[in-house]
């Protein structure tokens, strides 16, 4: 009985840690939204980052909490869509910087003046999109959503959440991402890869929540997921940059010069992403679930033994 009580105590600490993580995410989002020292671009970036973590957590909470967690996840997703325009222009700027740093631009096809002109156009588009999308009305809706989230967290039984329920959610995300891995990366549709990236981002944030359970191994997993996320994100940024070069688009005058560079750099990222995905999702979902369950049991036994020895 004593051993069982100790194990239940470990489960309770898991629920408490989950609750603390949820409240910390909401606090980060509120700080990003209200900090007067942040520019609009910084606020948009930091709010989006916090809400991505929040949405990843809500997927884990579908079983312990129920449909309210799913409803709030969808509401958060819809709120973030209001900021898509600003994000697209920033993605194109990130892709341009990526191109500038690569060997393909060791002898650049653009003068510094031309690159500056391209950057200026994209920055103006981003700033205009932020002004249109990140309005006071949007800020108010986000603030009300965070108020609702705090109220929900106070009501949800996270303190009693069990590891098995959350591990099931983690496995669902793992399975969804694994199913999206393309058979042929060279011909994969950009929208398909973007869906894969979203699942990898979700998996990455969920791993962050679980990392305290097994810090060293958890860090290895999270780092691998982050590298894959970065490669897939760079691919998406390059696609968006390419879209800006389409007919009658802002960067159309430079399409012939940007196009080959975008294609070559994207191919490099895809090669690296294929290798990373092969490692990160090598296990079948059932094997992944058994492994994290075994790690949890081993940690619980170790904790129980240390408390018994005391």
C-alpha atoms as a PDB file:
ATOM      1  CA  UNK A   1       0.000   0.000   0.000  1.00  0.00           C
ATOM      2  CA  UNK A   2       2.816   2.390   0.816  1.00  0.00           C
ATOM      3  CA  UNK A   3       4.357   1.835  -2.612  1.00  0.00           C
ATOM      4  CA  UNK A   4       1.006   2.519  -4.260  1.00  0.00           C
ATOM      5  CA  UNK A   5       0.598   5.731  -2.253  1.00  0.00           C
ATOM      6  CA  UNK A   6       4.035   6.889  -3.341  1.00  0.00           C
ATOM      7  CA  UNK A   7       3.188   6.156  -6.990  1.00  0.00           C
ATOM      8  CA  UNK A   8      -0.069   8.101  -6.641  1.00  0.00           C
ATOM      9  CA  UNK A   9       1.925  10.944  -5.151  1.00  0.00           C
ATOM     10  CA  UNK A  10       4.155  10.912  -8.216  1.00  0.00           C
ATOM     11  CA  UNK A  11       1.042  11.058 -10.454  1.00  0.00           C
ATOM     12  CA  UNK A  12      -0.231  14.014  -8.438  1.00  0.00           C
ATOM     13  CA  UNK A  13       3.043  15.848  -8.972  1.00  0.00           C
ATOM     14  CA  UNK A  14       2.679  15.163 -12.687  1.00  0.00           C
ATOM     15  CA  UNK A  15      -0.757  16.781 -12.673  1.00  0.00           C
ATOM     16  CA  UNK A  16       0.557  19.739 -10.683  1.00  0.00           C
ATOM     17  CA  UNK A  17       3.431  20.204 -13.139  1.00  0.00           C
ATOM     18  CA  UNK A  18       0.995  20.070 -16.052  1.00  0.00           C
ATOM     19  CA  UNK A  19      -1.180  22.712 -14.420  1.00  0.00           C
ATOM     20  CA  UNK A  20       1.832  24.945 -13.752  1.00  0.00           C
ATOM     21  CA  UNK A  21       2.980  24.627 -17.375  1.00  0.00           C
ATOM     22  CA  UNK A  22      -0.473  25.569 -18.657  1.00  0.00           C
ATOM     23  CA  UNK A  23      -0.629  28.675 -16.488  1.00  0.00           C
ATOM     24  CA  UNK A  24       2.917  29.670 -17.507  1.00  0.00           C
ATOM     25  CA  UNK A  25       1.977  29.509 -21.193  1.00  0.00           C
ATOM     26  CA  UNK A  26      -1.013  31.793 -20.670  1.00  0.00           C
ATOM     27  CA  UNK A  27       1.145  34.196 -18.664  1.00  0.00           C
ATOM     28  CA  UNK A  28       3.705  34.300 -21.495  1.00  0.00           C
ATOM     29  CA  UNK A  29       0.980  35.046 -24.042  1.00  0.00           C
ATOM     30  CA  UNK A  30      -0.442  37.827 -21.884  1.00  0.00           C
ATOM     31  CA  UNK A  31       3.005  39.348 -21.379  1.00  0.00           C
ATOM     32  CA  UNK A  32       3.679  39.276 -25.126  1.00  0.00           C
ATOM     33  CA  UNK A  33       0.341  40.950 -25.780  1.00  0.00           C
ATOM     34  CA  UNK A  34       0.633  43.702 -23.189  1.00  0.00           C
ATOM     35  CA  UNK A  35       4.348  44.529 -22.980  1.00  0.00           C
ATOM     36  CA  UNK A  36       4.730  48.155 -24.186  1.00  0.00           C
ATOM     37  CA  UNK A  37       8.438  47.613 -24.888  1.00  0.00           C
ATOM     38  CA  UNK A  38       7.699  45.110 -27.657  1.00  0.00           C
ATOM     39  CA  UNK A  39       7.169  46.315 -31.215  1.00  0.00           C
ATOM     40  CA  UNK A  40       4.108  45.041 -33.084  1.00  0.00           C
ATOM     41  CA  UNK A  41       6.351  42.594 -34.973  1.00  0.00           C
ATOM     42  CA  UNK A  42       7.794  41.261 -31.708  1.00  0.00           C
ATOM     43  CA  UNK A  43       4.353  41.027 -30.107  1.00  0.00           C
ATOM     44  CA  UNK A  44       2.923  39.127 -33.083  1.00  0.00           C
ATOM     45  CA  UNK A  45       5.857  36.704 -33.064  1.00  0.00           C
ATOM     46  CA  UNK A  46       5.759  36.082 -29.307  1.00  0.00           C
ATOM     47  CA  UNK A  47       1.966  35.788 -29.125  1.00  0.00           C
ATOM     48  CA  UNK A  48       1.975  33.275 -31.987  1.00  0.00           C
ATOM     49  CA  UNK A  49       4.723  31.275 -30.281  1.00  0.00           C
ATOM     50  CA  UNK A  50       2.850  31.135 -26.967  1.00  0.00           C
ATOM     51  CA  UNK A  51      -0.440  30.218 -28.610  1.00  0.00           C
ATOM     52  CA  UNK A  52       1.247  27.394 -30.556  1.00  0.00           C
ATOM     53  CA  UNK A  53       2.442  25.966 -27.245  1.00  0.00           C
ATOM     54  CA  UNK A  54      -1.040  26.419 -25.791  1.00  0.00           C
ATOM     55  CA  UNK A  55      -2.718  24.642 -28.715  1.00  0.00           C
ATOM     56  CA  UNK A  56      -0.231  21.759 -28.436  1.00  0.00           C
ATOM     57  CA  UNK A  57      -1.093  21.444 -24.742  1.00  0.00           C
ATOM     58  CA  UNK A  58      -4.819  21.499 -25.464  1.00  0.00           C
ATOM     59  CA  UNK A  59      -4.414  18.484 -27.752  1.00  0.00           C
ATOM     60  CA  UNK A  60      -2.876  16.606 -24.835  1.00  0.00           C
ATOM     61  CA  UNK A  61      -5.786  17.620 -22.612  1.00  0.00           C
ATOM     62  CA  UNK A  62      -8.572  16.371 -24.875  1.00  0.00           C
ATOM     63  CA  UNK A  63      -8.950  13.150 -22.901  1.00  0.00           C
ATOM     64  CA  UNK A  64      -8.493  14.507 -19.342  1.00  0.00           C
ATOM     65  CA  UNK A  65     -10.632  17.631 -19.926  1.00  0.00           C
ATOM     66  CA  UNK A  66     -13.028  16.783 -22.742  1.00  0.00           C
ATOM     67  CA  UNK A  67     -14.522  18.742 -25.615  1.00  0.00           C
ATOM     68  CA  UNK A  68     -13.975  22.148 -24.000  1.00  0.00           C
ATOM     69  CA  UNK A  69     -10.229  21.755 -24.596  1.00  0.00           C
ATOM     70  CA  UNK A  70     -10.876  21.014 -28.270  1.00  0.00           C
ATOM     71  CA  UNK A  71     -13.218  23.987 -28.578  1.00  0.00           C
ATOM     72  CA  UNK A  72     -10.632  26.317 -27.087  1.00  0.00           C
ATOM     73  CA  UNK A  73      -7.933  24.906 -29.368  1.00  0.00           C
ATOM     74  CA  UNK A  74     -10.033  25.669 -32.452  1.00  0.00           C
ATOM     75  CA  UNK A  75     -10.834  29.153 -31.162  1.00  0.00           C
ATOM     76  CA  UNK A  76      -7.122  29.848 -30.636  1.00  0.00           C
ATOM     77  CA  UNK A  77      -6.347  28.618 -34.157  1.00  0.00           C
ATOM     78  CA  UNK A  78      -8.952  30.952 -35.643  1.00  0.00           C
ATOM     79  CA  UNK A  79      -7.570  33.913 -33.706  1.00  0.00           C
ATOM     80  CA  UNK A  80      -4.084  33.250 -35.056  1.00  0.00           C
ATOM     81  CA  UNK A  81      -5.360  33.201 -38.632  1.00  0.00           C
ATOM     82  CA  UNK A  82      -6.041  36.920 -38.308  1.00  0.00           C
ATOM     83  CA  UNK A  83      -2.263  37.434 -38.167  1.00  0.00           C
ATOM     84  CA  UNK A  84      -1.395  35.317 -41.233  1.00  0.00           C
ATOM     85  CA  UNK A  85      -0.731  38.249 -43.557  1.00  0.00           C
ATOM     86  CA  UNK A  86       1.997  39.676 -41.353  1.00  0.00           C
ATOM     87  CA  UNK A  87       3.519  36.241 -40.887  1.00  0.00           C
ATOM     88  CA  UNK A  88       3.727  35.586 -44.646  1.00  0.00           C
ATOM     89  CA  UNK A  89       5.778  38.715 -45.272  1.00  0.00           C
ATOM     90  CA  UNK A  90       8.059  37.904 -42.336  1.00  0.00           C
ATOM     91  CA  UNK A  91       8.492  34.370 -43.699  1.00  0.00           C
ATOM     92  CA  UNK A  92       9.577  35.814 -47.039  1.00  0.00           C
ATOM     93  CA  UNK A  93      12.083  38.050 -45.256  1.00  0.00           C
ATOM     94  CA  UNK A  94      13.425  35.036 -43.356  1.00  0.00           C
ATOM     95  CA  UNK A  95      13.750  33.095 -46.618  1.00  0.00           C
ATOM     96  CA  UNK A  96      15.624  35.978 -48.234  1.00  0.00           C
ATOM     97  CA  UNK A  97      18.053  36.017 -45.320  1.00  0.00           C
ATOM     98  CA  UNK A  98      18.450  32.250 -45.629  1.00  0.00           C
ATOM     99  CA  UNK A  99      19.324  32.626 -49.307  1.00  0.00           C
ATOM    100  CA  UNK A 100      21.759  35.422 -48.567  1.00  0.00           C
ATOM    101  CA  UNK A 101      23.712  33.227 -46.167  1.00  0.00           C
ATOM    102  CA  UNK A 102      24.009  30.204 -48.440  1.00  0.00           C
ATOM    103  CA  UNK A 103      26.853  29.281 -50.733  1.00  0.00           C
ATOM    104  CA  UNK A 104      24.496  29.832 -53.664  1.00  0.00           C
ATOM    105  CA  UNK A 105      24.803  33.549 -52.999  1.00  0.00           C
ATOM    106  CA  UNK A 106      28.569  33.572 -52.495  1.00  0.00           C
ATOM    107  CA  UNK A 107      28.574  35.444 -55.806  1.00  0.00           C
ATOM    108  CA  UNK A 108      25.173  37.108 -55.438  1.00  0.00           C
ATOM    109  CA  UNK A 109      23.014  37.736 -58.502  1.00  0.00           C
ATOM    110  CA  UNK A 110      21.841  40.927 -56.815  1.00  0.00           C
ATOM    111  CA  UNK A 111      23.576  44.099 -55.874  1.00  0.00           C
ATOM    112  CA  UNK A 112      23.341  45.246 -52.271  1.00  0.00           C
ATOM    113  CA  UNK A 113      21.009  47.979 -53.464  1.00  0.00           C
ATOM    114  CA  UNK A 114      18.656  45.441 -55.097  1.00  0.00           C
ATOM    115  CA  UNK A 115      18.599  43.245 -52.002  1.00  0.00           C
ATOM    116  CA  UNK A 116      17.813  46.293 -49.898  1.00  0.00           C
ATOM    117  CA  UNK A 117      14.991  47.172 -52.275  1.00  0.00           C
ATOM    118  CA  UNK A 118      13.500  43.680 -51.963  1.00  0.00           C
ATOM    119  CA  UNK A 119      13.790  43.776 -48.177  1.00  0.00           C
ATOM    120  CA  UNK A 120      12.169  47.209 -48.082  1.00  0.00           C
ATOM    121  CA  UNK A 121       9.195  46.023 -50.111  1.00  0.00           C
ATOM    122  CA  UNK A 122       8.659  42.960 -47.943  1.00  0.00           C
ATOM    123  CA  UNK A 123       9.055  44.953 -44.730  1.00  0.00           C
ATOM    124  CA  UNK A 124       6.442  47.445 -45.920  1.00  0.00           C
ATOM    125  CA  UNK A 125       4.038  44.597 -46.703  1.00  0.00           C
ATOM    126  CA  UNK A 126       4.637  43.066 -43.278  1.00  0.00           C
ATOM    127  CA  UNK A 127       4.133  46.341 -41.441  1.00  0.00           C
ATOM    128  CA  UNK A 128       0.922  47.066 -43.361  1.00  0.00           C
ATOM    129  CA  UNK A 129      -0.387  43.575 -42.611  1.00  0.00           C
ATOM    130  CA  UNK A 130       0.414  43.977 -38.914  1.00  0.00           C
ATOM    131  CA  UNK A 131      -1.415  47.295 -38.879  1.00  0.00           C
ATOM    132  CA  UNK A 132      -4.432  45.718 -40.572  1.00  0.00           C
ATOM    133  CA  UNK A 133      -4.448  42.490 -38.576  1.00  0.00           C
ATOM    134  CA  UNK A 134      -2.995  43.340 -35.182  1.00  0.00           C
ATOM    135  CA  UNK A 135      -5.578  45.979 -34.401  1.00  0.00           C
ATOM    136  CA  UNK A 136      -6.882  46.994 -31.018  1.00  0.00           C
ATOM    137  CA  UNK A 137      -9.887  44.822 -31.759  1.00  0.00           C
ATOM    138  CA  UNK A 138      -7.634  41.808 -32.309  1.00  0.00           C
ATOM    139  CA  UNK A 139      -5.732  42.584 -29.125  1.00  0.00           C
ATOM    140  CA  UNK A 140      -9.009  42.811 -27.212  1.00  0.00           C
ATOM    141  CA  UNK A 141     -10.227  39.473 -28.589  1.00  0.00           C
ATOM    142  CA  UNK A 142      -6.922  37.844 -27.655  1.00  0.00           C
ATOM    143  CA  UNK A 143      -7.082  39.353 -24.172  1.00  0.00           C
ATOM    144  CA  UNK A 144     -10.634  38.051 -23.639  1.00  0.00           C
ATOM    145  CA  UNK A 145      -9.555  34.634 -24.875  1.00  0.00           C
ATOM    146  CA  UNK A 146      -6.693  34.561 -22.365  1.00  0.00           C
ATOM    147  CA  UNK A 147      -9.131  35.560 -19.611  1.00  0.00           C
ATOM    148  CA  UNK A 148     -11.358  32.642 -20.609  1.00  0.00           C
ATOM    149  CA  UNK A 149      -8.341  30.324 -20.685  1.00  0.00           C
ATOM    150  CA  UNK A 150      -7.332  31.295 -17.155  1.00  0.00           C
ATOM    151  CA  UNK A 151     -10.884  30.708 -15.942  1.00  0.00           C
ATOM    152  CA  UNK A 152     -10.962  27.314 -17.638  1.00  0.00           C
ATOM    153  CA  UNK A 153      -7.616  26.309 -16.151  1.00  0.00           C
ATOM    154  CA  UNK A 154      -8.890  27.086 -12.670  1.00  0.00           C
ATOM    155  CA  UNK A 155     -11.875  24.814 -13.312  1.00  0.00           C
ATOM    156  CA  UNK A 156     -10.181  21.909 -15.126  1.00  0.00           C
ATOM    157  CA  UNK A 157      -9.029  18.933 -12.999  1.00  0.00           C
ATOM    158  CA  UNK A 158      -5.427  19.103 -14.163  1.00  0.00           C
ATOM    159  CA  UNK A 159      -4.082  18.347 -10.706  1.00  0.00           C
ATOM    160  CA  UNK A 160      -5.652  14.900 -11.032  1.00  0.00           C
ATOM    161  CA  UNK A 161      -4.461  14.320 -14.617  1.00  0.00           C
ATOM    162  CA  UNK A 162      -2.782  10.937 -15.068  1.00  0.00           C
ATOM    163  CA  UNK A 163       0.270  10.267 -17.152  1.00  0.00           C
ATOM    164  CA  UNK A 164      -1.417   7.586 -19.260  1.00  0.00           C
ATOM    165  CA  UNK A 165      -4.082   9.964 -20.581  1.00  0.00           C
ATOM    166  CA  UNK A 166      -1.518  12.586 -21.562  1.00  0.00           C
ATOM    167  CA  UNK A 167       0.800   9.956 -23.053  1.00  0.00           C
ATOM    168  CA  UNK A 168      -2.074   8.812 -25.253  1.00  0.00           C
ATOM    169  CA  UNK A 169      -2.386  12.372 -26.566  1.00  0.00           C
ATOM    170  CA  UNK A 170       1.338  12.557 -27.219  1.00  0.00           C
ATOM    171  CA  UNK A 171       1.129   9.317 -29.194  1.00  0.00           C
ATOM    172  CA  UNK A 172      -1.767  10.637 -31.276  1.00  0.00           C
ATOM    173  CA  UNK A 173       0.324  13.636 -32.325  1.00  0.00           C
ATOM    174  CA  UNK A 174       3.289  11.381 -33.072  1.00  0.00           C
ATOM    175  CA  UNK A 175       1.085   9.143 -35.238  1.00  0.00           C
ATOM    176  CA  UNK A 176      -0.420  12.084 -37.131  1.00  0.00           C
ATOM    177  CA  UNK A 177       3.017  13.473 -37.925  1.00  0.00           C
ATOM    178  CA  UNK A 178       4.418  10.095 -38.934  1.00  0.00           C
ATOM    179  CA  UNK A 179       1.559   9.496 -41.370  1.00  0.00           C
ATOM    180  CA  UNK A 180       2.391  12.743 -43.157  1.00  0.00           C
ATOM    181  CA  UNK A 181       5.994  11.784 -43.955  1.00  0.00           C
ATOM    182  CA  UNK A 182       6.117  11.712 -47.784  1.00  0.00           C
ATOM    183  CA  UNK A 183       7.223   8.688 -49.741  1.00  0.00           C
ATOM    184  CA  UNK A 184       9.130  10.958 -52.117  1.00  0.00           C
ATOM    185  CA  UNK A 185      10.375  14.176 -50.577  1.00  0.00           C
ATOM    186  CA  UNK A 186      11.498  15.638 -53.911  1.00  0.00           C
ATOM    187  CA  UNK A 187       7.936  15.665 -55.286  1.00  0.00           C
ATOM    188  CA  UNK A 188       6.075  16.378 -52.049  1.00  0.00           C
ATOM    189  CA  UNK A 189       3.425  19.071 -52.322  1.00  0.00           C
ATOM    190  CA  UNK A 190       4.283  22.224 -50.327  1.00  0.00           C
ATOM    191  CA  UNK A 191       0.882  22.165 -48.604  1.00  0.00           C
ATOM    192  CA  UNK A 192       1.496  18.577 -47.522  1.00  0.00           C
ATOM    193  CA  UNK A 193       4.900  19.509 -46.100  1.00  0.00           C
ATOM    194  CA  UNK A 194       3.326  22.492 -44.358  1.00  0.00           C
ATOM    195  CA  UNK A 195       0.834  20.138 -42.669  1.00  0.00           C
ATOM    196  CA  UNK A 196       3.745  17.927 -41.606  1.00  0.00           C
ATOM    197  CA  UNK A 197       5.550  20.941 -40.186  1.00  0.00           C
ATOM    198  CA  UNK A 198       2.500  21.900 -38.114  1.00  0.00           C
ATOM    199  CA  UNK A 199       2.349  18.420 -36.628  1.00  0.00           C
ATOM    200  CA  UNK A 200       6.101  18.483 -35.917  1.00  0.00           C
ATOM    201  CA  UNK A 201       5.725  21.870 -34.204  1.00  0.00           C
ATOM    202  CA  UNK A 202       2.933  20.422 -32.077  1.00  0.00           C
ATOM    203  CA  UNK A 203       5.025  17.364 -31.245  1.00  0.00           C
ATOM    204  CA  UNK A 204       7.967  19.604 -30.336  1.00  0.00           C
ATOM    205  CA  UNK A 205       5.925  21.670 -27.905  1.00  0.00           C
ATOM    206  CA  UNK A 206       4.397  18.577 -26.339  1.00  0.00           C
ATOM    207  CA  UNK A 207       7.860  17.127 -25.811  1.00  0.00           C
ATOM    208  CA  UNK A 208       8.769  20.330 -23.968  1.00  0.00           C
ATOM    209  CA  UNK A 209       5.939  19.666 -21.527  1.00  0.00           C
ATOM    210  CA  UNK A 210       7.124  16.110 -20.928  1.00  0.00           C
ATOM    211  CA  UNK A 211      10.834  16.913 -20.712  1.00  0.00           C
ATOM    212  CA  UNK A 212      10.979  17.264 -16.898  1.00  0.00           C
ATOM    213  CA  UNK A 213      10.082  13.574 -16.645  1.00  0.00           C
ATOM    214  CA  UNK A 214      13.308  12.478 -18.341  1.00  0.00           C
ATOM    215  CA  UNK A 215      15.466  15.590 -18.911  1.00  0.00           C
ATOM    216  CA  UNK A 216      18.436  14.140 -20.798  1.00  0.00           C
ATOM    217  CA  UNK A 217      16.562  11.905 -23.213  1.00  0.00           C
ATOM    218  CA  UNK A 218      13.756  14.440 -23.519  1.00  0.00           C
ATOM    219  CA  UNK A 219      16.247  17.102 -24.583  1.00  0.00           C
ATOM    220  CA  UNK A 220      17.614  14.842 -27.306  1.00  0.00           C
ATOM    221  CA  UNK A 221      14.119  14.229 -28.683  1.00  0.00           C
ATOM    222  CA  UNK A 222      13.175  17.888 -28.473  1.00  0.00           C
ATOM    223  CA  UNK A 223      16.374  19.021 -30.204  1.00  0.00           C
ATOM    224  CA  UNK A 224      15.802  16.558 -33.038  1.00  0.00           C
ATOM    225  CA  UNK A 225      12.216  17.741 -33.441  1.00  0.00           C
ATOM    226  CA  UNK A 226      13.386  21.356 -33.404  1.00  0.00           C
ATOM    227  CA  UNK A 227      15.900  20.702 -36.178  1.00  0.00           C
ATOM    228  CA  UNK A 228      13.223  19.072 -38.317  1.00  0.00           C
ATOM    229  CA  UNK A 229      10.857  21.920 -37.551  1.00  0.00           C
ATOM    230  CA  UNK A 230      13.528  24.398 -38.659  1.00  0.00           C
ATOM    231  CA  UNK A 231      14.164  22.643 -41.966  1.00  0.00           C
ATOM    232  CA  UNK A 232      10.474  22.315 -42.773  1.00  0.00           C
ATOM    233  CA  UNK A 233       9.899  25.910 -41.739  1.00  0.00           C
ATOM    234  CA  UNK A 234      12.688  27.084 -44.032  1.00  0.00           C
ATOM    235  CA  UNK A 235      11.088  25.139 -46.904  1.00  0.00           C
ATOM    236  CA  UNK A 236       7.770  26.852 -46.249  1.00  0.00           C
ATOM    237  CA  UNK A 237       9.429  30.269 -46.025  1.00  0.00           C
ATOM    238  CA  UNK A 238      11.033  29.713 -49.431  1.00  0.00           C
ATOM    239  CA  UNK A 239       7.684  28.709 -50.930  1.00  0.00           C
ATOM    240  CA  UNK A 240       6.146  31.906 -49.591  1.00  0.00           C
ATOM    241  CA  UNK A 241       9.041  33.959 -50.970  1.00  0.00           C
ATOM    242  CA  UNK A 242       8.473  32.293 -54.334  1.00  0.00           C
ATOM    243  CA  UNK A 243       4.791  33.226 -54.171  1.00  0.00           C
ATOM    244  CA  UNK A 244       5.769  36.878 -53.853  1.00  0.00           C
ATOM    245  CA  UNK A 245       7.551  36.598 -57.233  1.00  0.00           C
ATOM    246  CA  UNK A 246       4.414  35.515 -59.107  1.00  0.00           C
ATOM    247  CA  UNK A 247       2.806  37.638 -61.860  1.00  0.00           C
ATOM    248  CA  UNK A 248       1.757  41.069 -60.614  1.00  0.00           C
ATOM    249  CA  UNK A 249       3.171  40.280 -57.162  1.00  0.00           C
ATOM    250  CA  UNK A 250       5.602  42.634 -55.365  1.00  0.00           C
ATOM    251  CA  UNK A 251       8.757  40.675 -56.277  1.00  0.00           C
ATOM    252  CA  UNK A 252       7.779  39.749 -59.851  1.00  0.00           C
ATOM    253  CA  UNK A 253      10.689  41.745 -61.404  1.00  0.00           C
ATOM    254  CA  UNK A 254      13.178  39.357 -59.732  1.00  0.00           C
ATOM    255  CA  UNK A 255      11.406  36.059 -60.446  1.00  0.00           C
ATOM    256  CA  UNK A 256      13.955  34.790 -62.977  1.00  0.00           C
ATOM    257  CA  UNK A 257      16.843  35.334 -60.572  1.00  0.00           C
ATOM    258  CA  UNK A 258      15.155  34.288 -57.334  1.00  0.00           C
ATOM    259  CA  UNK A 259      13.451  31.180 -58.730  1.00  0.00           C
ATOM    260  CA  UNK A 260      16.551  28.990 -59.260  1.00  0.00           C
ATOM    261  CA  UNK A 261      18.035  30.031 -55.915  1.00  0.00           C
ATOM    262  CA  UNK A 262      14.816  29.199 -54.094  1.00  0.00           C
ATOM    263  CA  UNK A 263      14.609  25.784 -55.768  1.00  0.00           C
ATOM    264  CA  UNK A 264      18.236  24.907 -54.991  1.00  0.00           C
ATOM    265  CA  UNK A 265      18.067  25.972 -51.353  1.00  0.00           C
ATOM    266  CA  UNK A 266      14.728  24.239 -50.810  1.00  0.00           C
ATOM    267  CA  UNK A 267      16.211  20.998 -52.155  1.00  0.00           C
ATOM    268  CA  UNK A 268      18.990  21.249 -49.558  1.00  0.00           C
ATOM    269  CA  UNK A 269      16.482  21.700 -46.748  1.00  0.00           C
ATOM    270  CA  UNK A 270      14.360  18.785 -47.995  1.00  0.00           C
ATOM    271  CA  UNK A 271      17.359  16.441 -48.022  1.00  0.00           C
ATOM    272  CA  UNK A 272      18.150  17.325 -44.419  1.00  0.00           C
ATOM    273  CA  UNK A 273      14.466  17.117 -43.395  1.00  0.00           C
ATOM    274  CA  UNK A 274      14.128  13.616 -44.853  1.00  0.00           C
ATOM    275  CA  UNK A 275      17.100  12.425 -42.812  1.00  0.00           C
ATOM    276  CA  UNK A 276      15.816  14.023 -39.604  1.00  0.00           C
ATOM    277  CA  UNK A 277      12.288  12.697 -40.036  1.00  0.00           C
ATOM    278  CA  UNK A 278      13.627   9.203 -40.613  1.00  0.00           C
ATOM    279  CA  UNK A 279      15.318   9.304 -37.203  1.00  0.00           C
ATOM    280  CA  UNK A 280      12.626  11.107 -35.250  1.00  0.00           C
ATOM    281  CA  UNK A 281       9.757   8.922 -36.458  1.00  0.00           C
ATOM    282  CA  UNK A 282      11.599   5.636 -36.869  1.00  0.00           C
ATOM    283  CA  UNK A 283       9.377   3.834 -34.343  1.00  0.00           C
ATOM    284  CA  UNK A 284       5.822   2.767 -34.976  1.00  0.00           C
ATOM    285  CA  UNK A 285       3.336   4.665 -32.773  1.00  0.00           C
ATOM    286  CA  UNK A 286       2.625   1.630 -30.548  1.00  0.00           C
ATOM    287  CA  UNK A 287       6.355   1.171 -29.949  1.00  0.00           C
ATOM    288  CA  UNK A 288       6.673   4.898 -29.180  1.00  0.00           C
ATOM    289  CA  UNK A 289       3.812   4.616 -26.675  1.00  0.00           C
ATOM    290  CA  UNK A 290       5.405   1.592 -24.988  1.00  0.00           C
ATOM    291  CA  UNK A 291       8.729   3.396 -24.732  1.00  0.00           C
ATOM    292  CA  UNK A 292       7.381   6.506 -23.007  1.00  0.00           C
ATOM    293  CA  UNK A 293       5.286   4.293 -20.711  1.00  0.00           C
ATOM    294  CA  UNK A 294       8.403   2.318 -19.783  1.00  0.00           C
ATOM    295  CA  UNK A 295      10.309   5.528 -19.089  1.00  0.00           C
ATOM    296  CA  UNK A 296       7.480   6.777 -16.874  1.00  0.00           C
ATOM    297  CA  UNK A 297       7.370   3.521 -14.914  1.00  0.00           C
ATOM    298  CA  UNK A 298      11.124   3.513 -14.476  1.00  0.00           C
ATOM    299  CA  UNK A 299      11.023   7.075 -13.193  1.00  0.00           C
ATOM    300  CA  UNK A 300       8.152   6.269 -10.823  1.00  0.00           C
ATOM    301  CA  UNK A 301       9.978   3.250  -9.412  1.00  0.00           C
ATOM    302  CA  UNK A 302      13.125   5.289  -8.914  1.00  0.00           C
ATOM    303  CA  UNK A 303      11.142   7.989  -7.121  1.00  0.00           C
ATOM    304  CA  UNK A 304       9.329   5.430  -4.990  1.00  0.00           C
ATOM    305  CA  UNK A 305      12.613   3.736  -4.033  1.00  0.00           C
ATOM    306  CA  UNK A 306      14.241   7.034  -3.055  1.00  0.00           C
ATOM    307  CA  UNK A 307      11.259   7.920  -0.840  1.00  0.00           C
ATOM    308  CA  UNK A 308      11.198   4.453   0.716  1.00  0.00           C
ATOM    309  CA  UNK A 309      14.909   4.687   1.509  1.00  0.00           C
ATOM    310  CA  UNK A 310      14.230   7.950   3.293  1.00  0.00           C
END
